[in-house]
Protein backbone atom coordinates (compact mmCIF):
# COMPACT_ATOMS: atom_id res chain seq x y z
CA UNK A 1 18.17 5.23 -20.00
CA UNK A 2 20.09 3.68 -22.86
CA UNK A 3 18.85 4.73 -26.32
CA UNK A 4 18.57 2.59 -29.40
CA UNK A 5 17.72 3.27 -33.03
CA UNK A 6 14.02 3.36 -33.86
CA UNK A 7 12.57 4.21 -37.26
CA UNK A 8 15.60 6.30 -38.10
CA UNK A 9 15.61 8.02 -34.72
CA UNK A 10 16.58 7.07 -31.19
CA UNK A 11 14.37 5.30 -28.65
CA UNK A 12 15.02 4.63 -24.98
CA UNK A 13 15.43 0.89 -24.49
CA UNK A 14 16.69 0.39 -20.95
CA UNK A 15 16.30 2.17 -17.61
CA UNK A 16 19.10 1.81 -15.07
CA UNK A 17 19.06 2.83 -11.44
CA UNK A 18 21.51 5.33 -10.02
CA UNK A 19 24.50 3.61 -8.46
CA UNK A 20 25.17 4.63 -4.90
CA UNK A 21 21.65 5.90 -4.24
CA UNK A 22 20.90 4.97 -0.59
CA UNK A 23 17.46 3.45 -1.24
CA UNK A 24 18.10 1.99 -4.68
CA UNK A 25 21.66 0.72 -4.16
CA UNK A 26 22.13 0.32 -7.89
CA UNK A 27 18.96 -1.40 -9.11
CA UNK A 28 15.79 0.55 -9.76
CA UNK A 29 12.27 -0.33 -8.72
CA UNK A 30 10.32 -2.86 -10.77
CA UNK A 31 8.14 -0.11 -12.22
CA UNK A 32 11.22 1.30 -13.89
CA UNK A 33 11.22 -1.56 -16.39
CA UNK A 34 8.04 -0.15 -17.90
CA UNK A 35 9.26 3.44 -18.00
CA UNK A 36 9.69 3.52 -21.78
CA UNK A 37 5.99 2.78 -22.21
CA UNK A 38 5.23 6.29 -20.98
CA UNK A 39 6.80 7.66 -24.15
CA UNK A 40 6.22 4.93 -26.74
CA UNK A 41 2.97 3.17 -25.83
CA UNK A 42 0.34 3.14 -28.54
CA UNK A 43 -2.20 4.00 -25.82
CA UNK A 44 -0.33 7.07 -24.59
CA UNK A 45 -2.62 10.09 -24.23
CA UNK A 46 -1.11 13.01 -26.18
CA UNK A 47 -3.98 15.53 -26.12
CA UNK A 48 -7.13 16.29 -24.10
CA UNK A 49 -10.04 13.87 -24.44
CA UNK A 50 -13.71 14.68 -23.86
CA UNK A 51 -16.25 12.03 -22.92
CA UNK A 52 -19.22 11.84 -25.28
CA UNK A 53 -22.77 10.95 -24.31
CA UNK A 54 -22.20 7.32 -25.33
CA UNK A 55 -19.27 7.02 -22.91
CA UNK A 56 -16.54 7.08 -25.53
CA UNK A 57 -13.81 9.72 -25.65
CA UNK A 58 -13.10 12.15 -28.48
CA UNK A 59 -9.93 14.25 -28.87
CA UNK A 60 -10.22 18.03 -28.50
CA UNK A 61 -7.67 20.85 -28.62
CA UNK A 62 -6.20 22.51 -25.54
CA UNK A 63 -8.02 25.83 -26.01
CA UNK A 64 -11.37 24.04 -26.05
CA UNK A 65 -10.43 21.94 -23.01
CA UNK A 66 -9.36 24.95 -20.93
CA UNK A 67 -12.47 26.91 -21.99
CA UNK A 68 -14.91 24.12 -21.06
CA UNK A 69 -13.19 23.29 -17.76
CA UNK A 70 -13.10 26.96 -16.80
CA UNK A 71 -16.79 27.39 -17.57
CA UNK A 72 -17.70 24.35 -15.46
CA UNK A 73 -15.58 25.54 -12.52
CA UNK A 74 -17.13 29.01 -12.62
CA UNK A 75 -20.64 27.49 -12.79
CA UNK A 76 -19.95 25.35 -9.70
CA UNK A 77 -18.63 28.36 -7.77
CA UNK A 78 -21.65 30.46 -8.75
CA UNK A 79 -24.08 27.76 -7.64
CA UNK A 80 -22.47 26.22 -4.54
CA UNK A 81 -19.52 28.42 -3.61
CA UNK A 82 -15.75 27.77 -3.89
CA UNK A 83 -15.79 25.39 -0.90
CA UNK A 84 -17.57 22.86 -3.10
CA UNK A 85 -14.39 22.48 -5.17
CA UNK A 86 -11.59 20.05 -4.30
CA UNK A 87 -8.43 18.88 -5.99
CA UNK A 88 -6.36 15.72 -5.57
CA UNK A 89 -2.70 16.49 -6.20
CA UNK A 90 0.12 14.16 -7.08
CA UNK A 91 3.10 13.80 -4.71
CA UNK A 92 5.61 15.56 -6.96
CA UNK A 93 6.97 18.97 -5.87
CA UNK A 94 5.25 20.76 -8.77
CA UNK A 95 1.89 19.28 -7.79
CA UNK A 96 2.32 20.22 -4.15
CA UNK A 97 3.15 23.82 -5.06
CA UNK A 98 0.74 24.68 -7.85
CA UNK A 99 -2.29 22.72 -6.60
CA UNK A 100 -2.48 24.72 -3.38
CA UNK A 101 -1.96 28.06 -5.16
CA UNK A 102 -4.62 27.19 -7.74
CA UNK A 103 -7.24 26.21 -5.16
CA UNK A 104 -6.36 29.20 -2.97
CA UNK A 105 -6.95 31.50 -5.93
CA UNK A 106 -10.38 29.94 -6.42
CA UNK A 107 -11.19 30.35 -2.72
CA UNK A 108 -11.13 26.70 -1.66
CA UNK A 109 -8.99 25.03 0.97
CA UNK A 110 -9.90 21.50 -0.14
CA UNK A 111 -6.59 20.04 -1.28
CA UNK A 112 -6.08 16.30 -0.97
CA UNK A 113 -2.86 14.48 -1.67
CA UNK A 114 -1.39 11.04 -2.02
CA UNK A 115 0.04 11.48 1.46
CA UNK A 116 -3.39 11.91 3.07
CA UNK A 117 -4.84 8.78 1.49
CA UNK A 118 -1.77 6.59 1.93
CA UNK A 119 1.03 7.33 4.36
CA UNK A 120 -0.89 9.68 6.64
CA UNK A 121 -3.70 7.15 7.04
CA UNK A 122 -1.18 4.49 7.95
CA UNK A 123 0.62 6.65 10.49
CA UNK A 124 -2.64 7.87 12.03
CA UNK A 125 -3.82 4.29 12.51
CA UNK A 126 -0.54 3.30 14.15
CA UNK A 127 -0.58 6.36 16.39
CA UNK A 128 -4.12 5.60 17.57
CA UNK A 129 -3.35 1.96 18.36
CA UNK A 130 0.22 1.88 19.64
CA UNK A 131 1.29 5.47 20.20
CA UNK A 132 3.99 5.55 17.51
CA UNK A 133 3.69 6.61 13.90
CA UNK A 134 5.57 3.66 12.46
CA UNK A 135 7.79 0.69 13.10
CA UNK A 136 10.07 -1.51 11.03
CA UNK A 137 10.93 -5.20 10.94
CA UNK A 138 14.44 -6.20 11.97
CA UNK A 139 15.04 -8.53 9.03
CA UNK A 140 18.51 -9.36 10.26
CA UNK A 141 17.13 -11.10 13.36
CA UNK A 142 13.49 -11.92 12.72
CA UNK A 143 12.50 -15.61 12.69
CA UNK A 144 9.04 -15.14 11.21
CA UNK A 145 7.45 -12.22 9.39
CA UNK A 146 3.94 -11.98 7.97
CA UNK A 147 3.00 -9.72 5.08
CA UNK A 148 -0.71 -8.91 4.81
CA UNK A 149 -1.66 -7.25 1.53
CA UNK A 150 1.87 -5.90 1.16
CA UNK A 151 4.55 -6.90 -1.34
CA UNK A 152 8.10 -5.60 -1.48
CA UNK A 153 8.44 -7.16 -4.94
CA UNK A 154 5.71 -4.83 -6.21
CA UNK A 155 6.85 -1.84 -4.18
CA UNK A 156 9.12 1.14 -4.50
CA UNK A 157 12.47 0.41 -2.84
CA UNK A 158 14.81 -2.25 -4.25
CA UNK A 159 16.68 -2.21 -0.93
CA UNK A 160 13.53 -3.62 0.72
CA UNK A 161 13.56 -6.53 -1.73
CA UNK A 162 17.21 -7.14 -0.88
CA UNK A 163 16.37 -7.22 2.83
CA UNK A 164 13.65 -9.77 2.13
CA UNK A 165 15.98 -11.91 0.04
CA UNK A 166 18.59 -11.86 2.80
CA UNK A 167 16.00 -12.89 5.38
CA UNK A 168 14.90 -15.77 3.18
CA UNK A 169 18.50 -16.95 2.78
CA UNK A 170 18.90 -16.81 6.57
CA UNK A 171 15.98 -19.20 7.03
CA UNK A 172 13.33 -16.69 8.08
CA UNK A 173 9.78 -17.94 7.67
CA UNK A 174 8.12 -15.40 5.39
CA UNK A 175 4.32 -15.63 5.15
CA UNK A 176 2.46 -13.77 2.40
CA UNK A 177 -1.27 -13.29 3.06
CA UNK A 178 -2.61 -12.03 -0.25
CA UNK A 179 -5.38 -12.95 -2.70
CA UNK A 180 -2.76 -13.03 -5.46
CA UNK A 181 0.57 -14.77 -5.62
CA UNK A 182 2.46 -11.50 -5.78
CA UNK A 183 6.01 -10.80 -6.89
CA UNK A 184 7.35 -11.34 -3.37
CA UNK A 185 6.20 -14.96 -3.59
CA UNK A 186 9.64 -16.07 -4.73
CA UNK A 187 10.93 -15.23 -1.24
CA UNK A 188 7.93 -16.50 0.71
CA UNK A 189 7.88 -19.71 2.70
CA UNK A 190 4.07 -19.64 2.76
CA UNK A 191 1.40 -18.19 0.52
CA UNK A 192 -1.96 -17.80 2.22
CA UNK A 193 -4.59 -16.88 -0.41
CA UNK A 194 -7.40 -14.95 1.22
CA UNK A 195 -10.67 -13.45 0.04
CA UNK A 196 -10.14 -9.76 -0.80
CA UNK A 197 -11.23 -7.40 1.97
CA UNK A 198 -11.31 -10.02 4.73
CA UNK A 199 -7.94 -9.29 6.35
CA UNK A 200 -9.48 -8.01 9.58
CA UNK A 201 -11.36 -11.27 10.12
CA UNK A 202 -8.08 -13.13 9.65
CA UNK A 203 -6.31 -10.91 12.20
CA UNK A 204 -9.10 -11.27 14.74
CA UNK A 205 -8.91 -15.05 14.45
CA UNK A 206 -5.14 -14.93 15.03
CA UNK A 207 -5.81 -12.88 18.17
CA UNK A 208 -8.43 -15.40 19.27
CA UNK A 209 -5.89 -18.23 19.14
CA UNK A 210 -3.17 -16.24 20.90
CA UNK A 211 -5.51 -15.24 23.74
CA UNK A 212 -7.58 -18.41 24.12
CA UNK A 213 -4.46 -20.61 24.11
CA UNK A 214 -2.61 -18.21 26.43
CA UNK A 215 0.24 -17.64 23.96
CA UNK A 216 0.64 -13.90 24.44
CA UNK A 217 3.16 -11.93 26.51
CA UNK A 218 1.38 -11.11 29.77
CA UNK A 219 4.08 -8.74 30.99
CA UNK A 220 3.94 -6.69 27.79
CA UNK A 221 0.15 -6.52 27.87
CA UNK A 222 0.20 -5.41 31.50
CA UNK A 223 2.78 -2.69 30.96
CA UNK A 224 2.01 -1.41 27.47
CA UNK A 225 -1.69 -1.81 26.63
CA UNK A 226 -5.07 -0.45 27.68
CA UNK A 227 -8.46 -2.11 27.33
CA UNK A 228 -7.04 -5.59 26.82
CA UNK A 229 -9.63 -7.35 28.99
CA UNK A 230 -12.48 -5.85 26.98
CA UNK A 231 -10.78 -6.83 23.74
CA UNK A 232 -10.11 -10.36 24.96
CA UNK A 233 -13.77 -10.79 25.91
CA UNK A 234 -14.95 -9.57 22.52
CA UNK A 235 -12.47 -11.61 20.49
CA UNK A 236 -13.82 -14.89 21.92
CA UNK A 237 -16.46 -14.96 19.19
CA UNK A 238 -13.92 -14.48 16.37
CA UNK A 239 -12.75 -18.07 16.22
CA UNK A 240 -10.69 -19.58 13.37
CA UNK A 241 -13.80 -21.49 12.31
CA UNK A 242 -15.74 -18.21 12.11
CA UNK A 243 -12.95 -16.56 10.09
CA UNK A 244 -12.57 -19.53 7.76
CA UNK A 245 -16.09 -18.98 6.40
CA UNK A 246 -15.26 -15.35 5.62
CA UNK A 247 -11.64 -15.53 4.49
CA UNK A 248 -11.52 -18.98 2.85
CA UNK A 249 -8.39 -19.62 4.92
CA UNK A 250 -8.85 -22.98 6.70
CA UNK A 251 -9.25 -22.79 10.47
CA UNK A 252 -6.34 -25.19 10.96
CA UNK A 253 -4.14 -22.90 8.88
CA UNK A 254 -5.02 -19.89 11.00
CA UNK A 255 -4.30 -21.82 14.19
CA UNK A 256 -0.92 -23.03 12.91
CA UNK A 257 0.17 -19.54 11.87
CA UNK A 258 -0.83 -18.01 15.21
CA UNK A 259 1.03 -20.70 17.14
CA UNK A 260 4.09 -20.32 14.93
CA UNK A 261 4.13 -16.55 15.52
CA UNK A 262 3.94 -17.13 19.27
CA UNK A 263 6.74 -19.67 19.13
CA UNK A 264 8.98 -17.30 17.16
CA UNK A 265 8.29 -14.36 19.51
CA UNK A 266 9.79 -11.95 20.23
CA UNK A 267 11.55 -12.39 16.87
CA UNK A 268 8.24 -12.28 15.00
CA UNK A 269 6.57 -9.45 13.16
CA UNK A 270 3.62 -8.47 11.02
CA UNK A 271 5.28 -6.19 8.51
CA UNK A 272 4.35 -2.51 8.65
CA UNK A 273 2.24 -1.79 5.60
CA UNK A 274 -0.36 0.55 4.17
CA UNK A 275 -3.34 -1.81 3.99
CA UNK A 276 -4.94 -4.79 5.69
CA UNK A 277 -4.46 -4.40 9.44
CA UNK A 278 -4.17 -0.63 8.96
CA UNK A 279 -7.46 -0.26 7.14
CA UNK A 280 -5.91 2.10 4.60
CA UNK A 281 -7.10 1.72 1.02
């Protein structure tokens, strides 16, 4: 961070990524631009706050905060036992270490982390459906890629944004299915606004088109899937017209996207993400 003068002192004004870092490759993630707000925001929380009966918060000192929290924890243990306690830890090393020790000392094994609600959910869903914990898009060769509820421009790794930019320059059709026009929109060929929470209906309608119009890879299905006939029979009812009423994506649009994916295959991909088709919140 580069400092600058501020009220007679010095204030961080600019955050710069580490050059040569394998995932950053010089730039930092978009969130880094707001890093200084953590220290200088007028809304920064600098001491414990206690919620009053009217819903507002009042500042209290640390001794009072620790005393009241400790009393509430002990009351819960006395009434319902230590197993009724749980903690959600952050992904930093300090959180991983001290959260487990703290809960173990209280007698509870209920420790939840960012990994269990995000990455682990994603990998579990992939493992259950395709037998592998993850996959990645070959942006150097893909002809069409669809992002559903996922945006590199709002994500963590600048190198991912660079891959997306390179794909766009190479003529890749990049489809963003998202209620908002996110920060990856500058690279997208198509923006498909969709009602929040209706991604599964959209996916089922894509499958309906691919199966009903016989656009799928029969050899792959025969060799690498189980239960396809049952799925194909069920998906008959999930037509683009049915999905259009739920998603607000026109039926013709769904049909065109499904046909375009089939035409681009095998150089087509739905990008591996944490939401939408994975069902991870």
